[in-house]
Amino acid sequence: MTDSPHSSHKMPEDASTHAIETRVRRELLSSSQLSVSSLVVRRMPNGVCLEGIVKVHDDSVDVDAVVKQISGVEEVRNHLLVCAGRC
């Protein structure tokens, strides 16, 4: 029996995966405390990986905490480039 190269990261490729990515994207893009550009959201086991550029309007914003409030997201791998002021 041959193992798939992805066998250690079993994750269903179904509507729930897409739905979680969509909810995360919608939550970040609709936040009044953030301006997001080039956002990429990828589903991973137990959470999501975020990539893109984020301009914060409020230093107290915790992107990870915002995303973890979404059902199905327990872990956030945050690769966002965050800038304040002009960027």
N, C-alpha and C. Protein backbone atom coordinates (compact mmCIF):
# COMPACT_ATOMS: atom_id res chain seq x y z
N MET A 1 0.85 -1.18 0.00
CA MET A 1 0.00 0.00 0.00
C MET A 1 0.88 1.24 0.00
N THR A 2 0.63 2.16 -0.89
CA THR A 2 1.43 3.37 -1.03
C THR A 2 0.73 4.52 -0.34
N ASP A 3 1.46 5.23 0.48
CA ASP A 3 0.89 6.38 1.17
C ASP A 3 0.88 7.58 0.24
N SER A 4 -0.17 8.34 0.32
CA SER A 4 -0.26 9.59 -0.42
C SER A 4 0.70 10.60 0.21
N PRO A 5 1.28 11.50 -0.58
CA PRO A 5 2.16 12.53 0.02
C PRO A 5 1.42 13.43 0.98
N HIS A 6 0.09 13.42 0.93
CA HIS A 6 -0.70 14.28 1.80
C HIS A 6 -1.35 13.51 2.94
N SER A 7 -0.97 12.24 3.12
CA SER A 7 -1.66 11.41 4.10
C SER A 7 -1.48 11.88 5.53
N SER A 8 -0.40 12.58 5.84
CA SER A 8 -0.19 13.05 7.21
C SER A 8 -1.03 14.28 7.52
N HIS A 9 -1.61 14.89 6.50
CA HIS A 9 -2.43 16.08 6.69
C HIS A 9 -3.80 15.83 6.08
N LYS A 10 -4.51 14.85 6.61
CA LYS A 10 -5.81 14.52 6.07
C LYS A 10 -6.79 15.64 6.38
N MET A 11 -7.45 16.07 5.32
CA MET A 11 -8.37 17.17 5.44
C MET A 11 -9.39 17.02 4.32
N PRO A 12 -10.65 17.04 4.62
CA PRO A 12 -11.64 16.88 3.56
C PRO A 12 -11.66 18.09 2.64
N GLU A 13 -11.68 17.83 1.35
CA GLU A 13 -11.80 18.91 0.37
C GLU A 13 -13.27 19.00 0.02
N ASP A 14 -14.05 19.64 0.85
CA ASP A 14 -15.48 19.71 0.62
C ASP A 14 -15.98 21.13 0.85
N ALA A 15 -17.27 21.27 0.86
CA ALA A 15 -17.88 22.58 1.02
C ALA A 15 -17.50 23.23 2.34
N SER A 16 -17.29 22.44 3.40
CA SER A 16 -16.96 23.04 4.69
C SER A 16 -15.58 23.71 4.65
N THR A 17 -14.65 23.13 3.90
CA THR A 17 -13.33 23.75 3.75
C THR A 17 -13.48 25.11 3.07
N HIS A 18 -14.20 25.13 1.98
CA HIS A 18 -14.41 26.38 1.25
C HIS A 18 -15.20 27.38 2.09
N ALA A 19 -16.18 26.88 2.83
CA ALA A 19 -17.01 27.75 3.66
C ALA A 19 -16.18 28.43 4.75
N ILE A 20 -15.28 27.69 5.36
CA ILE A 20 -14.42 28.28 6.41
C ILE A 20 -13.51 29.33 5.80
N GLU A 21 -12.88 29.04 4.67
CA GLU A 21 -12.03 30.02 4.00
C GLU A 21 -12.82 31.28 3.66
N THR A 22 -14.04 31.09 3.18
CA THR A 22 -14.90 32.22 2.81
C THR A 22 -15.28 33.05 4.03
N ARG A 23 -15.64 32.38 5.13
CA ARG A 23 -16.00 33.11 6.36
C ARG A 23 -14.82 33.92 6.89
N VAL A 24 -13.62 33.33 6.87
CA VAL A 24 -12.42 34.03 7.35
C VAL A 24 -12.17 35.25 6.47
N ARG A 25 -12.22 35.06 5.16
CA ARG A 25 -11.98 36.16 4.22
C ARG A 25 -13.01 37.27 4.45
N ARG A 26 -14.27 36.91 4.56
CA ARG A 26 -15.35 37.89 4.76
C ARG A 26 -15.15 38.66 6.06
N GLU A 27 -14.79 37.95 7.13
CA GLU A 27 -14.60 38.59 8.44
C GLU A 27 -13.47 39.62 8.38
N LEU A 28 -12.35 39.26 7.77
CA LEU A 28 -11.22 40.18 7.71
C LEU A 28 -11.48 41.35 6.77
N LEU A 29 -12.10 41.09 5.63
CA LEU A 29 -12.36 42.16 4.67
C LEU A 29 -13.43 43.14 5.15
N SER A 30 -14.32 42.69 6.03
CA SER A 30 -15.40 43.56 6.51
C SER A 30 -15.04 44.31 7.80
N SER A 31 -13.89 44.02 8.37
CA SER A 31 -13.50 44.66 9.63
C SER A 31 -13.22 46.14 9.42
N SER A 32 -13.80 46.97 10.25
CA SER A 32 -13.56 48.42 10.17
C SER A 32 -12.19 48.79 10.75
N GLN A 33 -11.56 47.85 11.46
CA GLN A 33 -10.27 48.11 12.09
C GLN A 33 -9.09 47.74 11.19
N LEU A 34 -9.39 47.12 10.03
CA LEU A 34 -8.34 46.64 9.14
C LEU A 34 -8.62 47.05 7.70
N SER A 35 -7.55 47.23 6.94
CA SER A 35 -7.64 47.33 5.48
C SER A 35 -6.75 46.21 4.96
N VAL A 36 -7.35 45.29 4.23
CA VAL A 36 -6.63 44.11 3.78
C VAL A 36 -6.49 44.14 2.27
N SER A 37 -5.29 43.79 1.79
CA SER A 37 -5.09 43.64 0.36
C SER A 37 -4.32 42.35 0.09
N SER A 38 -4.54 41.81 -1.07
CA SER A 38 -3.86 40.57 -1.49
C SER A 38 -4.05 39.44 -0.48
N LEU A 39 -5.25 39.30 0.05
CA LEU A 39 -5.52 38.29 1.08
C LEU A 39 -5.64 36.91 0.46
N VAL A 40 -4.89 35.96 1.04
CA VAL A 40 -4.99 34.55 0.67
C VAL A 40 -5.29 33.78 1.95
N VAL A 41 -6.34 32.97 1.92
CA VAL A 41 -6.73 32.14 3.06
C VAL A 41 -6.68 30.70 2.59
N ARG A 42 -5.89 29.89 3.26
CA ARG A 42 -5.79 28.47 2.93
C ARG A 42 -6.18 27.64 4.15
N ARG A 43 -7.02 26.65 3.92
CA ARG A 43 -7.43 25.74 4.99
C ARG A 43 -6.29 24.78 5.28
N MET A 44 -6.05 24.51 6.54
CA MET A 44 -5.07 23.53 6.98
C MET A 44 -5.71 22.75 8.13
N PRO A 45 -5.11 21.65 8.53
CA PRO A 45 -5.72 20.89 9.64
C PRO A 45 -5.95 21.79 10.86
N ASN A 46 -7.16 21.81 11.37
CA ASN A 46 -7.56 22.56 12.56
C ASN A 46 -7.56 24.07 12.41
N GLY A 47 -7.36 24.59 11.21
CA GLY A 47 -7.36 26.04 11.10
C GLY A 47 -7.08 26.55 9.71
N VAL A 48 -6.45 27.74 9.66
CA VAL A 48 -6.17 28.40 8.39
C VAL A 48 -4.78 29.01 8.39
N CYS A 49 -4.27 29.23 7.19
CA CYS A 49 -3.04 29.97 6.98
C CYS A 49 -3.42 31.26 6.26
N LEU A 50 -2.93 32.39 6.77
CA LEU A 50 -3.25 33.70 6.21
C LEU A 50 -2.02 34.32 5.58
N GLU A 51 -2.19 34.87 4.38
CA GLU A 51 -1.11 35.60 3.71
C GLU A 51 -1.72 36.85 3.10
N GLY A 52 -0.94 37.93 3.09
CA GLY A 52 -1.40 39.17 2.49
C GLY A 52 -0.84 40.36 3.23
N ILE A 53 -1.41 41.52 2.94
CA ILE A 53 -0.97 42.77 3.54
C ILE A 53 -2.14 43.37 4.29
N VAL A 54 -1.90 43.74 5.55
CA VAL A 54 -2.94 44.30 6.40
C VAL A 54 -2.48 45.63 6.96
N LYS A 55 -3.31 46.63 6.79
CA LYS A 55 -3.06 47.92 7.43
C LYS A 55 -4.00 48.01 8.61
N VAL A 56 -3.45 48.22 9.80
CA VAL A 56 -4.28 48.29 11.00
C VAL A 56 -4.60 49.74 11.34
N HIS A 57 -5.86 49.96 11.73
CA HIS A 57 -6.30 51.30 12.12
C HIS A 57 -6.34 51.44 13.63
N ASP A 58 -6.18 50.30 14.31
CA ASP A 58 -6.24 50.27 15.77
C ASP A 58 -5.21 49.24 16.24
N ASP A 59 -4.23 49.68 17.00
CA ASP A 59 -3.14 48.80 17.44
C ASP A 59 -3.61 47.64 18.32
N SER A 60 -4.81 47.72 18.85
CA SER A 60 -5.29 46.67 19.73
C SER A 60 -5.91 45.49 18.97
N VAL A 61 -5.96 45.57 17.65
CA VAL A 61 -6.56 44.49 16.85
C VAL A 61 -5.67 43.25 16.91
N ASP A 62 -6.30 42.12 17.23
CA ASP A 62 -5.61 40.83 17.25
C ASP A 62 -6.26 39.97 16.17
N VAL A 63 -5.63 39.94 15.00
CA VAL A 63 -6.18 39.21 13.85
C VAL A 63 -6.41 37.74 14.19
N ASP A 64 -5.46 37.13 14.86
CA ASP A 64 -5.60 35.72 15.23
C ASP A 64 -6.85 35.48 16.07
N ALA A 65 -7.08 36.34 17.05
CA ALA A 65 -8.25 36.19 17.93
C ALA A 65 -9.54 36.36 17.14
N VAL A 66 -9.56 37.30 16.21
CA VAL A 66 -10.74 37.52 15.37
C VAL A 66 -11.05 36.26 14.56
N VAL A 67 -10.02 35.69 13.95
CA VAL A 67 -10.20 34.53 13.08
C VAL A 67 -10.56 33.29 13.90
N LYS A 68 -10.00 33.15 15.09
CA LYS A 68 -10.29 31.97 15.92
C LYS A 68 -11.73 31.95 16.44
N GLN A 69 -12.44 33.07 16.34
CA GLN A 69 -13.85 33.09 16.74
C GLN A 69 -14.73 32.37 15.73
N ILE A 70 -14.19 32.09 14.55
CA ILE A 70 -14.95 31.43 13.49
C ILE A 70 -14.96 29.93 13.75
N SER A 71 -16.13 29.34 13.69
CA SER A 71 -16.29 27.92 13.92
C SER A 71 -15.43 27.11 12.94
N GLY A 72 -14.67 26.15 13.48
CA GLY A 72 -13.81 25.32 12.66
C GLY A 72 -12.36 25.78 12.62
N VAL A 73 -12.08 26.95 13.20
CA VAL A 73 -10.72 27.48 13.22
C VAL A 73 -10.18 27.44 14.64
N GLU A 74 -9.23 26.56 14.87
CA GLU A 74 -8.57 26.47 16.18
C GLU A 74 -7.15 27.01 16.12
N GLU A 75 -6.54 26.92 14.95
CA GLU A 75 -5.15 27.35 14.77
C GLU A 75 -5.07 28.35 13.62
N VAL A 76 -4.25 29.38 13.80
CA VAL A 76 -4.03 30.37 12.75
C VAL A 76 -2.54 30.47 12.50
N ARG A 77 -2.15 30.19 11.29
CA ARG A 77 -0.76 30.40 10.87
C ARG A 77 -0.77 31.74 10.14
N ASN A 78 -0.29 32.76 10.83
CA ASN A 78 -0.41 34.13 10.36
C ASN A 78 0.88 34.58 9.67
N HIS A 79 0.79 34.70 8.35
CA HIS A 79 1.91 35.19 7.55
C HIS A 79 1.55 36.54 6.93
N LEU A 80 0.72 37.30 7.63
CA LEU A 80 0.31 38.61 7.14
C LEU A 80 1.41 39.63 7.40
N LEU A 81 1.60 40.52 6.44
CA LEU A 81 2.49 41.66 6.61
C LEU A 81 1.61 42.79 7.17
N VAL A 82 1.90 43.20 8.40
CA VAL A 82 1.09 44.21 9.07
C VAL A 82 1.81 45.53 9.08
N CYS A 83 1.09 46.58 8.71
CA CYS A 83 1.70 47.91 8.77
C CYS A 83 0.68 48.88 9.37
N ALA A 84 1.22 49.93 9.97
CA ALA A 84 0.37 50.97 10.57
C ALA A 84 0.68 52.28 9.87
N GLY A 85 -0.30 53.15 9.85
CA GLY A 85 -0.09 54.43 9.17
C GLY A 85 -0.07 54.24 7.68
N ARG A 86 0.83 54.93 7.00
CA ARG A 86 0.93 54.82 5.54
C ARG A 86 1.74 53.60 5.14
N CYS A 87 1.19 52.82 4.27
CA CYS A 87 1.93 51.66 3.76
C CYS A 87 1.46 51.30 2.36
